[in-house]
């Protein structure tokens, strides 16, 4: 019996990670000075779970890498640099990256 699973192209993975990157940027800029700044990476994890479930691991991995870079540049001080000054912000960014990798590599939906 022929497999009905279709392979995704590289262009499709990139086209999924671009809206995710835009979401990470919008969240970073909108909540930069708000009290909810600490919740932005956790909120974005929900989007990564959905991308991993619907579009696969590679698309969500690309989105997670882009989100880590975007959060470092636009969410944490000093803005506009990959340098993260505060130790707590660095811990938060590393925890986000670790949780993102764990969420990405959870088993996908059944392909029956």
PDB file of N, CA and C in Angstrom:
ATOM      1  N   UNK A   1       0.837  -1.170   0.000  1.00  0.00           N
ATOM      2  CA  UNK A   1       0.000   0.000   0.000  1.00  0.00           C
ATOM      3  C   UNK A   1       0.888   1.242   0.000  1.00  0.00           C
ATOM      4  N   UNK A   2       0.594   2.131  -0.865  1.00  0.00           N
ATOM      5  CA  UNK A   2       1.400   3.345  -1.002  1.00  0.00           C
ATOM      6  C   UNK A   2       1.168   4.269   0.192  1.00  0.00           C
ATOM      7  N   UNK A   3       2.239   4.884   0.578  1.00  0.00           N
ATOM      8  CA  UNK A   3       2.157   5.802   1.721  1.00  0.00           C
ATOM      9  C   UNK A   3       1.533   7.124   1.280  1.00  0.00           C
ATOM     10  N   UNK A   4       0.621   7.628   2.094  1.00  0.00           N
ATOM     11  CA  UNK A   4      -0.042   8.880   1.780  1.00  0.00           C
ATOM     12  C   UNK A   4       0.650  10.064   2.452  1.00  0.00           C
ATOM     13  N   UNK A   5       1.732   9.794   3.141  1.00  0.00           N
ATOM     14  CA  UNK A   5       2.473  10.862   3.813  1.00  0.00           C
ATOM     15  C   UNK A   5       3.256  11.628   2.757  1.00  0.00           C
ATOM     16  N   UNK A   6       3.067  12.927   2.766  1.00  0.00           N
ATOM     17  CA  UNK A   6       3.741  13.740   1.762  1.00  0.00           C
ATOM     18  C   UNK A   6       4.939  14.418   2.403  1.00  0.00           C
ATOM     19  N   UNK A   7       6.020  14.472   1.673  1.00  0.00           N
ATOM     20  CA  UNK A   7       7.230  15.133   2.151  1.00  0.00           C
ATOM     21  C   UNK A   7       7.071  16.634   1.986  1.00  0.00           C
ATOM     22  N   UNK A   8       7.578  17.367   2.954  1.00  0.00           N
ATOM     23  CA  UNK A   8       7.505  18.822   2.894  1.00  0.00           C
ATOM     24  C   UNK A   8       8.794  19.359   2.282  1.00  0.00           C
ATOM     25  N   UNK A   9       8.658  20.384   1.478  1.00  0.00           N
ATOM     26  CA  UNK A   9       9.828  20.972   0.845  1.00  0.00           C
ATOM     27  C   UNK A   9      10.485  21.967   1.789  1.00  0.00           C
ATOM     28  N   UNK A  10      11.722  22.324   1.488  1.00  0.00           N
ATOM     29  CA  UNK A  10      12.448  23.307   2.295  1.00  0.00           C
ATOM     30  C   UNK A  10      11.755  24.656   2.255  1.00  0.00           C
ATOM     31  N   UNK A  11      11.187  25.004   1.125  1.00  0.00           N
ATOM     32  CA  UNK A  11      10.494  26.281   1.003  1.00  0.00           C
ATOM     33  C   UNK A  11       9.281  26.329   1.931  1.00  0.00           C
ATOM     34  N   UNK A  12       8.600  25.217   2.093  1.00  0.00           N
ATOM     35  CA  UNK A  12       7.449  25.176   2.980  1.00  0.00           C
ATOM     36  C   UNK A  12       7.874  25.366   4.436  1.00  0.00           C
ATOM     37  N   UNK A  13       9.015  24.783   4.823  1.00  0.00           N
ATOM     38  CA  UNK A  13       9.505  24.960   6.185  1.00  0.00           C
ATOM     39  C   UNK A  13       9.853  26.418   6.456  1.00  0.00           C
ATOM     40  N   UNK A  14      10.491  27.046   5.494  1.00  0.00           N
ATOM     41  CA  UNK A  14      10.853  28.454   5.649  1.00  0.00           C
ATOM     42  C   UNK A  14       9.594  29.318   5.661  1.00  0.00           C
ATOM     43  N   UNK A  15       8.628  28.985   4.822  1.00  0.00           N
ATOM     44  CA  UNK A  15       7.403  29.792   4.770  1.00  0.00           C
ATOM     45  C   UNK A  15       6.580  29.665   6.055  1.00  0.00           C
ATOM     46  N   UNK A  16       6.747  28.600   6.792  1.00  0.00           N
ATOM     47  CA  UNK A  16       6.077  28.465   8.090  1.00  0.00           C
ATOM     48  C   UNK A  16       6.849  29.219   9.163  1.00  0.00           C
ATOM     49  N   UNK A  17       8.169  29.191   9.106  1.00  0.00           N
ATOM     50  CA  UNK A  17       8.966  29.837  10.151  1.00  0.00           C
ATOM     51  C   UNK A  17       8.940  31.362  10.046  1.00  0.00           C
ATOM     52  N   UNK A  18       8.651  31.917   8.887  1.00  0.00           N
ATOM     53  CA  UNK A  18       8.591  33.381   8.748  1.00  0.00           C
ATOM     54  C   UNK A  18       7.430  33.981   9.541  1.00  0.00           C
ATOM     55  N   UNK A  19       6.198  33.464   9.443  1.00  0.00           N
ATOM     56  CA  UNK A  19       5.133  34.021  10.300  1.00  0.00           C
ATOM     57  C   UNK A  19       5.409  33.818  11.795  1.00  0.00           C
ATOM     58  N   UNK A  20       6.046  32.717  12.143  1.00  0.00           N
ATOM     59  CA  UNK A  20       6.409  32.500  13.550  1.00  0.00           C
ATOM     60  C   UNK A  20       7.420  33.533  14.012  1.00  0.00           C
ATOM     61  N   UNK A  21       8.367  33.857  13.157  1.00  0.00           N
ATOM     62  CA  UNK A  21       9.347  34.895  13.486  1.00  0.00           C
ATOM     63  C   UNK A  21       8.667  36.251  13.624  1.00  0.00           C
ATOM     64  N   UNK A  22       7.717  36.514  12.754  1.00  0.00           N
ATOM     65  CA  UNK A  22       6.970  37.773  12.850  1.00  0.00           C
ATOM     66  C   UNK A  22       6.174  37.833  14.149  1.00  0.00           C
ATOM     67  N   UNK A  23       5.614  36.707  14.561  1.00  0.00           N
ATOM     68  CA  UNK A  23       4.893  36.663  15.839  1.00  0.00           C
ATOM     69  C   UNK A  23       5.841  36.921  17.005  1.00  0.00           C
ATOM     70  N   UNK A  24       7.017  36.316  16.979  1.00  0.00           N
ATOM     71  CA  UNK A  24       8.005  36.541  18.040  1.00  0.00           C
ATOM     72  C   UNK A  24       8.419  38.004  18.091  1.00  0.00           C
ATOM     73  N   UNK A  25       8.614  38.615  16.936  1.00  0.00           N
ATOM     74  CA  UNK A  25       8.979  40.033  16.881  1.00  0.00           C
ATOM     75  C   UNK A  25       7.853  40.906  17.413  1.00  0.00           C
ATOM     76  N   UNK A  26       6.627  40.616  17.004  1.00  0.00           N
ATOM     77  CA  UNK A  26       5.486  41.413  17.478  1.00  0.00           C
ATOM     78  C   UNK A  26       5.320  41.290  18.990  1.00  0.00           C
ATOM     79  N   UNK A  27       5.433  40.073  19.516  1.00  0.00           N
ATOM     80  CA  UNK A  27       5.340  39.894  20.961  1.00  0.00           C
ATOM     81  C   UNK A  27       6.456  40.633  21.691  1.00  0.00           C
ATOM     82  N   UNK A  28       7.662  40.578  21.130  1.00  0.00           N
ATOM     83  CA  UNK A  28       8.804  41.248  21.750  1.00  0.00           C
ATOM     84  C   UNK A  28       8.618  42.756  21.795  1.00  0.00           C
ATOM     85  N   UNK A  29       8.174  43.322  20.701  1.00  0.00           N
ATOM     86  CA  UNK A  29       8.014  44.773  20.651  1.00  0.00           C
ATOM     87  C   UNK A  29       6.813  45.243  21.460  1.00  0.00           C
ATOM     88  N   UNK A  30       5.742  44.455  21.474  1.00  0.00           N
ATOM     89  CA  UNK A  30       4.529  44.863  22.175  1.00  0.00           C
ATOM     90  C   UNK A  30       4.689  44.773  23.691  1.00  0.00           C
ATOM     91  N   UNK A  31       5.353  43.713  24.163  1.00  0.00           N
ATOM     92  CA  UNK A  31       5.481  43.482  25.597  1.00  0.00           C
ATOM     93  C   UNK A  31       6.841  43.879  26.163  1.00  0.00           C
ATOM     94  N   UNK A  32       7.650  44.586  25.407  1.00  0.00           N
ATOM     95  CA  UNK A  32       9.004  44.934  25.826  1.00  0.00           C
ATOM     96  C   UNK A  32       9.040  45.640  27.170  1.00  0.00           C
ATOM     97  N   UNK A  33       8.176  46.613  27.374  1.00  0.00           N
ATOM     98  CA  UNK A  33       8.181  47.399  28.601  1.00  0.00           C
ATOM     99  C   UNK A  33       7.039  47.041  29.547  1.00  0.00           C
ATOM    100  N   UNK A  34       6.315  46.021  29.251  1.00  0.00           N
ATOM    101  CA  UNK A  34       5.152  45.651  30.062  1.00  0.00           C
ATOM    102  C   UNK A  34       5.558  44.700  31.189  1.00  0.00           C
ATOM    103  N   UNK A  35       4.673  44.571  32.141  1.00  0.00           N
ATOM    104  CA  UNK A  35       4.908  43.647  33.247  1.00  0.00           C
ATOM    105  C   UNK A  35       4.864  42.193  32.767  1.00  0.00           C
ATOM    106  N   UNK A  36       4.205  41.941  31.656  1.00  0.00           N
ATOM    107  CA  UNK A  36       4.081  40.586  31.115  1.00  0.00           C
ATOM    108  C   UNK A  36       5.273  40.176  30.258  1.00  0.00           C
ATOM    109  N   UNK A  37       6.345  40.943  30.304  1.00  0.00           N
ATOM    110  CA  UNK A  37       7.533  40.655  29.495  1.00  0.00           C
ATOM    111  C   UNK A  37       8.062  39.248  29.741  1.00  0.00           C
ATOM    112  N   UNK A  38       7.999  38.800  30.980  1.00  0.00           N
ATOM    113  CA  UNK A  38       8.520  37.475  31.332  1.00  0.00           C
ATOM    114  C   UNK A  38       7.687  36.343  30.730  1.00  0.00           C
ATOM    115  N   UNK A  39       6.449  36.619  30.379  1.00  0.00           N
ATOM    116  CA  UNK A  39       5.567  35.578  29.849  1.00  0.00           C
ATOM    117  C   UNK A  39       5.691  35.402  28.341  1.00  0.00           C
ATOM    118  N   UNK A  40       6.374  36.306  27.654  1.00  0.00           N
ATOM    119  CA  UNK A  40       6.441  36.258  26.188  1.00  0.00           C
ATOM    120  C   UNK A  40       7.040  34.947  25.684  1.00  0.00           C
ATOM    121  N   UNK A  41       8.194  34.494  26.195  1.00  0.00           N
ATOM    122  CA  UNK A  41       8.704  33.204  25.696  1.00  0.00           C
ATOM    123  C   UNK A  41       7.759  32.039  25.969  1.00  0.00           C
ATOM    124  N   UNK A  42       7.081  32.048  27.108  1.00  0.00           N
ATOM    125  CA  UNK A  42       6.141  30.971  27.417  1.00  0.00           C
ATOM    126  C   UNK A  42       4.943  30.984  26.466  1.00  0.00           C
ATOM    127  N   UNK A  43       4.474  32.179  26.146  1.00  0.00           N
ATOM    128  CA  UNK A  43       3.370  32.302  25.186  1.00  0.00           C
ATOM    129  C   UNK A  43       3.805  31.773  23.822  1.00  0.00           C
ATOM    130  N   UNK A  44       5.029  32.092  23.433  1.00  0.00           N
ATOM    131  CA  UNK A  44       5.520  31.654  22.125  1.00  0.00           C
ATOM    132  C   UNK A  44       5.717  30.140  22.084  1.00  0.00           C
ATOM    133  N   UNK A  45       5.977  29.508  23.237  1.00  0.00           N
ATOM    134  CA  UNK A  45       6.087  28.050  23.260  1.00  0.00           C
ATOM    135  C   UNK A  45       4.805  27.380  22.776  1.00  0.00           C
ATOM    136  N   UNK A  46       3.669  27.998  23.070  1.00  0.00           N
ATOM    137  CA  UNK A  46       2.402  27.443  22.587  1.00  0.00           C
ATOM    138  C   UNK A  46       2.353  27.425  21.058  1.00  0.00           C
ATOM    139  N   UNK A  47       2.845  28.492  20.454  1.00  0.00           N
ATOM    140  CA  UNK A  47       2.889  28.539  18.989  1.00  0.00           C
ATOM    141  C   UNK A  47       3.855  27.480  18.451  1.00  0.00           C
ATOM    142  N   UNK A  48       4.970  27.272  19.130  1.00  0.00           N
ATOM    143  CA  UNK A  48       5.927  26.252  18.679  1.00  0.00           C
ATOM    144  C   UNK A  48       5.350  24.849  18.768  1.00  0.00           C
ATOM    145  N   UNK A  49       4.576  24.591  19.798  1.00  0.00           N
ATOM    146  CA  UNK A  49       3.936  23.280  19.920  1.00  0.00           C
ATOM    147  C   UNK A  49       2.985  23.058  18.747  1.00  0.00           C
ATOM    148  N   UNK A  50       2.213  24.081  18.408  1.00  0.00           N
ATOM    149  CA  UNK A  50       1.287  23.959  17.280  1.00  0.00           C
ATOM    150  C   UNK A  50       2.035  23.753  15.968  1.00  0.00           C
ATOM    151  N   UNK A  51       3.120  24.489  15.769  1.00  0.00           N
ATOM    152  CA  UNK A  51       3.903  24.333  14.534  1.00  0.00           C
ATOM    153  C   UNK A  51       4.523  22.944  14.476  1.00  0.00           C
ATOM    154  N   UNK A  52       5.058  22.461  15.589  1.00  0.00           N
ATOM    155  CA  UNK A  52       5.656  21.121  15.604  1.00  0.00           C
ATOM    156  C   UNK A  52       4.616  20.051  15.310  1.00  0.00           C
ATOM    157  N   UNK A  53       3.430  20.215  15.839  1.00  0.00           N
ATOM    158  CA  UNK A  53       2.371  19.231  15.624  1.00  0.00           C
ATOM    159  C   UNK A  53       1.866  19.252  14.187  1.00  0.00           C
ATOM    160  N   UNK A  54       1.683  20.441  13.636  1.00  0.00           N
ATOM    161  CA  UNK A  54       1.070  20.555  12.309  1.00  0.00           C
ATOM    162  C   UNK A  54       2.064  20.466  11.155  1.00  0.00           C
ATOM    163  N   UNK A  55       3.271  20.996  11.348  1.00  0.00           N
ATOM    164  CA  UNK A  55       4.189  21.125  10.216  1.00  0.00           C
ATOM    165  C   UNK A  55       5.504  20.380  10.384  1.00  0.00           C
ATOM    166  N   UNK A  56       5.740  19.805  11.529  1.00  0.00           N
ATOM    167  CA  UNK A  56       6.933  18.988  11.698  1.00  0.00           C
ATOM    168  C   UNK A  56       8.023  19.663  12.513  1.00  0.00           C
ATOM    169  N   UNK A  57       9.027  18.867  12.759  1.00  0.00           N
ATOM    170  CA  UNK A  57      10.108  19.298  13.641  1.00  0.00           C
ATOM    171  C   UNK A  57      11.015  20.346  13.036  1.00  0.00           C
ATOM    172  N   UNK A  58      11.324  20.219  11.763  1.00  0.00           N
ATOM    173  CA  UNK A  58      12.266  21.166  11.164  1.00  0.00           C
ATOM    174  C   UNK A  58      11.688  22.577  11.130  1.00  0.00           C
ATOM    175  N   UNK A  59      10.436  22.703  10.770  1.00  0.00           N
ATOM    176  CA  UNK A  59       9.805  24.031  10.741  1.00  0.00           C
ATOM    177  C   UNK A  59       9.788  24.649  12.131  1.00  0.00           C
ATOM    178  N   UNK A  60       9.465  23.854  13.140  1.00  0.00           N
ATOM    179  CA  UNK A  60       9.435  24.401  14.500  1.00  0.00           C
ATOM    180  C   UNK A  60      10.837  24.668  15.029  1.00  0.00           C
ATOM    181  N   UNK A  61      11.822  23.891  14.606  1.00  0.00           N
ATOM    182  CA  UNK A  61      13.209  24.164  15.003  1.00  0.00           C
ATOM    183  C   UNK A  61      13.689  25.484  14.416  1.00  0.00           C
ATOM    184  N   UNK A  62      13.381  25.728  13.143  1.00  0.00           N
ATOM    185  CA  UNK A  62      13.742  27.008  12.527  1.00  0.00           C
ATOM    186  C   UNK A  62      13.048  28.171  13.224  1.00  0.00           C
ATOM    187  N   UNK A  63      11.786  27.994  13.567  1.00  0.00           N
ATOM    188  CA  UNK A  63      11.046  29.041  14.270  1.00  0.00           C
ATOM    189  C   UNK A  63      11.618  29.278  15.664  1.00  0.00           C
ATOM    190  N   UNK A  64      12.038  28.226  16.353  1.00  0.00           N
ATOM    191  CA  UNK A  64      12.609  28.368  17.694  1.00  0.00           C
ATOM    192  C   UNK A  64      13.947  29.092  17.654  1.00  0.00           C
ATOM    193  N   UNK A  65      14.784  28.761  16.684  1.00  0.00           N
ATOM    194  CA  UNK A  65      16.075  29.446  16.550  1.00  0.00           C
ATOM    195  C   UNK A  65      15.858  30.921  16.253  1.00  0.00           C
ATOM    196  N   UNK A  66      14.942  31.200  15.340  1.00  0.00           N
ATOM    197  CA  UNK A  66      14.647  32.599  15.022  1.00  0.00           C
ATOM    198  C   UNK A  66      14.091  33.327  16.245  1.00  0.00           C
ATOM    199  N   UNK A  67      13.236  32.654  17.023  1.00  0.00           N
ATOM    200  CA  UNK A  67      12.643  33.282  18.209  1.00  0.00           C
ATOM    201  C   UNK A  67      13.699  33.588  19.260  1.00  0.00           C
ATOM    202  N   UNK A  68      14.642  32.689  19.469  1.00  0.00           N
ATOM    203  CA  UNK A  68      15.711  32.943  20.442  1.00  0.00           C
ATOM    204  C   UNK A  68      16.500  34.179  20.035  1.00  0.00           C
ATOM    205  N   UNK A  69      16.840  34.272  18.760  1.00  0.00           N
ATOM    206  CA  UNK A  69      17.595  35.442  18.290  1.00  0.00           C
ATOM    207  C   UNK A  69      16.769  36.722  18.387  1.00  0.00           C
ATOM    208  N   UNK A  70      15.508  36.643  18.024  1.00  0.00           N
ATOM    209  CA  UNK A  70      14.633  37.823  18.084  1.00  0.00           C
ATOM    210  C   UNK A  70      14.427  38.264  19.531  1.00  0.00           C
ATOM    211  N   UNK A  71      14.208  37.313  20.429  1.00  0.00           N
ATOM    212  CA  UNK A  71      14.039  37.677  21.838  1.00  0.00           C
ATOM    213  C   UNK A  71      15.308  38.309  22.395  1.00  0.00           C
ATOM    214  N   UNK A  72      16.470  37.781  22.019  1.00  0.00           N
ATOM    215  CA  UNK A  72      17.731  38.345  22.512  1.00  0.00           C
ATOM    216  C   UNK A  72      17.914  39.784  22.018  1.00  0.00           C
ATOM    217  N   UNK A  73      17.519  40.050  20.794  1.00  0.00           N
ATOM    218  CA  UNK A  73      17.732  41.379  20.212  1.00  0.00           C
ATOM    219  C   UNK A  73      16.654  42.375  20.631  1.00  0.00           C
ATOM    220  N   UNK A  74      15.390  41.953  20.643  1.00  0.00           N
ATOM    221  CA  UNK A  74      14.301  42.915  20.811  1.00  0.00           C
ATOM    222  C   UNK A  74      13.583  42.864  22.158  1.00  0.00           C
ATOM    223  N   UNK A  75      13.719  41.792  22.927  1.00  0.00           N
ATOM    224  CA  UNK A  75      12.973  41.681  24.170  1.00  0.00           C
ATOM    225  C   UNK A  75      13.815  42.013  25.395  1.00  0.00           C
ATOM    226  N   UNK A  76      15.076  41.610  25.363  1.00  0.00           N
ATOM    227  CA  UNK A  76      15.936  41.791  26.521  1.00  0.00           C
ATOM    228  C   UNK A  76      16.950  42.899  26.291  1.00  0.00           C
ATOM    229  N   UNK A  77      17.257  43.626  27.359  1.00  0.00           N
ATOM    230  CA  UNK A  77      18.216  44.740  27.264  1.00  0.00           C
ATOM    231  C   UNK A  77      19.631  44.197  27.138  1.00  0.00           C
ATOM    232  N   UNK A  78      20.542  44.879  26.440  1.00  0.00           N
ATOM    233  CA  UNK A  78      20.352  46.091  25.643  1.00  0.00           C
ATOM    234  C   UNK A  78      19.669  45.751  24.319  1.00  0.00           C
ATOM    235  N   UNK A  79      18.704  46.554  23.963  1.00  0.00           N
ATOM    236  CA  UNK A  79      17.941  46.329  22.738  1.00  0.00           C
ATOM    237  C   UNK A  79      18.823  46.557  21.515  1.00  0.00           C
ATOM    238  N   UNK A  80      18.623  45.750  20.501  1.00  0.00           N
ATOM    239  CA  UNK A  80      19.374  45.888  19.259  1.00  0.00           C
ATOM    240  C   UNK A  80      20.694  45.142  19.261  1.00  0.00           C
ATOM    241  N   UNK A  81      20.927  44.314  20.266  1.00  0.00           N
ATOM    242  CA  UNK A  81      22.181  43.567  20.367  1.00  0.00           C
ATOM    243  C   UNK A  81      21.866  42.141  20.805  1.00  0.00           C
ATOM    244  N   UNK A  82      22.703  41.204  20.399  1.00  0.00           N
ATOM    245  CA  UNK A  82      22.525  39.827  20.840  1.00  0.00           C
ATOM    246  C   UNK A  82      22.993  39.627  22.277  1.00  0.00           C
ATOM    247  N   UNK A  83      23.639  40.627  22.835  1.00  0.00           N
ATOM    248  CA  UNK A  83      24.091  40.568  24.222  1.00  0.00           C
ATOM    249  C   UNK A  83      22.889  40.710  25.150  1.00  0.00           C
ATOM    250  N   UNK A  84      22.827  39.865  26.155  1.00  0.00           N
ATOM    251  CA  UNK A  84      21.779  39.948  27.173  1.00  0.00           C
ATOM    252  C   UNK A  84      22.482  40.263  28.485  1.00  0.00           C
ATOM    253  N   UNK A  85      22.214  41.446  29.036  1.00  0.00           N
ATOM    254  CA  UNK A  85      22.953  41.926  30.200  1.00  0.00           C
ATOM    255  C   UNK A  85      22.603  41.225  31.500  1.00  0.00           C
ATOM    256  N   UNK A  86      21.344  41.119  31.809  1.00  0.00           N
ATOM    257  CA  UNK A  86      20.928  40.604  33.111  1.00  0.00           C
ATOM    258  C   UNK A  86      21.000  39.079  33.150  1.00  0.00           C
ATOM    259  N   UNK A  87      21.510  38.570  34.267  1.00  0.00           N
ATOM    260  CA  UNK A  87      21.661  37.118  34.415  1.00  0.00           C
ATOM    261  C   UNK A  87      20.312  36.411  34.349  1.00  0.00           C
ATOM    262  N   UNK A  88      19.280  37.000  34.973  1.00  0.00           N
ATOM    263  CA  UNK A  88      17.963  36.370  34.960  1.00  0.00           C
ATOM    264  C   UNK A  88      17.404  36.296  33.539  1.00  0.00           C
ATOM    265  N   UNK A  89      17.664  37.308  32.726  1.00  0.00           N
ATOM    266  CA  UNK A  89      17.212  37.292  31.335  1.00  0.00           C
ATOM    267  C   UNK A  89      17.925  36.198  30.544  1.00  0.00           C
ATOM    268  N   UNK A  90      19.222  36.018  30.810  1.00  0.00           N
ATOM    269  CA  UNK A  90      19.963  34.942  30.133  1.00  0.00           C
ATOM    270  C   UNK A  90      19.412  33.569  30.518  1.00  0.00           C
ATOM    271  N   UNK A  91      19.105  33.404  31.810  1.00  0.00           N
ATOM    272  CA  UNK A  91      18.529  32.133  32.269  1.00  0.00           C
ATOM    273  C   UNK A  91      17.185  31.899  31.590  1.00  0.00           C
ATOM    274  N   UNK A  92      16.378  32.941  31.516  1.00  0.00           N
ATOM    275  CA  UNK A  92      15.064  32.813  30.880  1.00  0.00           C
ATOM    276  C   UNK A  92      15.196  32.441  29.403  1.00  0.00           C
ATOM    277  N   UNK A  93      16.142  33.049  28.719  1.00  0.00           N
ATOM    278  CA  UNK A  93      16.348  32.752  27.302  1.00  0.00           C
ATOM    279  C   UNK A  93      16.849  31.317  27.110  1.00  0.00           C
ATOM    280  N   UNK A  94      17.753  30.874  27.961  1.00  0.00           N
ATOM    281  CA  UNK A  94      18.250  29.499  27.874  1.00  0.00           C
ATOM    282  C   UNK A  94      17.153  28.488  28.223  1.00  0.00           C
ATOM    283  N   UNK A  95      16.324  28.808  29.213  1.00  0.00           N
ATOM    284  CA  UNK A  95      15.202  27.921  29.551  1.00  0.00           C
ATOM    285  C   UNK A  95      14.213  27.831  28.398  1.00  0.00           C
ATOM    286  N   UNK A  96      13.956  28.972  27.750  1.00  0.00           N
ATOM    287  CA  UNK A  96      13.071  28.953  26.582  1.00  0.00           C
ATOM    288  C   UNK A  96      13.645  28.039  25.500  1.00  0.00           C
ATOM    289  N   UNK A  97      14.946  28.184  25.218  1.00  0.00           N
ATOM    290  CA  UNK A  97      15.567  27.355  24.180  1.00  0.00           C
ATOM    291  C   UNK A  97      15.492  25.875  24.548  1.00  0.00           C
ATOM    292  N   UNK A  98      15.743  25.556  25.808  1.00  0.00           N
ATOM    293  CA  UNK A  98      15.694  24.153  26.239  1.00  0.00           C
ATOM    294  C   UNK A  98      14.275  23.602  26.162  1.00  0.00           C
ATOM    295  N   UNK A  99      13.303  24.346  26.661  1.00  0.00           N
ATOM    296  CA  UNK A  99      11.913  23.882  26.597  1.00  0.00           C
ATOM    297  C   UNK A  99      11.427  23.788  25.152  1.00  0.00           C
ATOM    298  N   UNK A 100      11.882  24.697  24.312  1.00  0.00           N
ATOM    299  CA  UNK A 100      11.496  24.638  22.899  1.00  0.00           C
ATOM    300  C   UNK A 100      12.011  23.349  22.258  1.00  0.00           C
ATOM    301  N   UNK A 101      13.255  22.994  22.547  1.00  0.00           N
ATOM    302  CA  UNK A 101      13.799  21.750  21.987  1.00  0.00           C
ATOM    303  C   UNK A 101      13.045  20.531  22.506  1.00  0.00           C
ATOM    304  N   UNK A 102      12.691  20.533  23.775  1.00  0.00           N
ATOM    305  CA  UNK A 102      11.926  19.413  24.331  1.00  0.00           C
ATOM    306  C   UNK A 102      10.562  19.321  23.662  1.00  0.00           C
ATOM    307  N   UNK A 103       9.890  20.462  23.510  1.00  0.00           N
ATOM    308  CA  UNK A 103       8.564  20.460  22.889  1.00  0.00           C
ATOM    309  C   UNK A 103       8.619  20.046  21.422  1.00  0.00           C
ATOM    310  N   UNK A 104       9.657  20.437  20.742  1.00  0.00           N
ATOM    311  CA  UNK A 104       9.786  20.106  19.322  1.00  0.00           C
ATOM    312  C   UNK A 104       9.956  18.600  19.128  1.00  0.00           C
ATOM    313  N   UNK A 105      10.670  17.959  20.019  1.00  0.00           N
ATOM    314  CA  UNK A 105      10.973  16.549  19.827  1.00  0.00           C
ATOM    315  C   UNK A 105      10.012  15.603  20.524  1.00  0.00           C
ATOM    316  N   UNK A 106       8.866  16.128  21.006  1.00  0.00           N
ATOM    317  CA  UNK A 106       7.794  15.237  21.425  1.00  0.00           C
ATOM    318  C   UNK A 106       7.285  14.509  20.188  1.00  0.00           C
ATOM    319  N   UNK A 107       6.750  13.328  20.367  1.00  0.00           N
ATOM    320  CA  UNK A 107       6.253  12.576  19.190  1.00  0.00           C
ATOM    321  C   UNK A 107       5.158  13.351  18.450  1.00  0.00           C
ATOM    322  N   UNK A 108       5.200  13.230  17.153  1.00  0.00           N
ATOM    323  CA  UNK A 108       4.170  13.854  16.305  1.00  0.00           C
ATOM    324  C   UNK A 108       2.908  13.026  16.327  1.00  0.00           C
ATOM    325  N   UNK A 109       1.879  13.591  15.730  1.00  0.00           N
ATOM    326  CA  UNK A 109       0.595  12.875  15.638  1.00  0.00           C
ATOM    327  C   UNK A 109       0.768  11.597  14.824  1.00  0.00           C
ATOM    328  N   UNK A 110      -0.071  10.656  15.057  1.00  0.00           N
ATOM    329  CA  UNK A 110      -0.021   9.388  14.374  1.00  0.00           C
ATOM    330  C   UNK A 110      -0.331   9.586  12.878  1.00  0.00           C
ATOM    331  N   UNK A 111       0.382   8.886  12.053  1.00  0.00           N
ATOM    332  CA  UNK A 111       0.228   9.023  10.596  1.00  0.00           C
ATOM    333  C   UNK A 111      -0.605   7.882  10.020  1.00  0.00           C
ATOM    334  N   UNK A 112      -1.532   7.308  10.797  1.00  0.00           N
ATOM    335  CA  UNK A 112      -2.366   6.184  10.314  1.00  0.00           C
ATOM    336  C   UNK A 112      -3.404   6.673   9.354  1.00  0.00           C
TER     337      UNK A 112
END
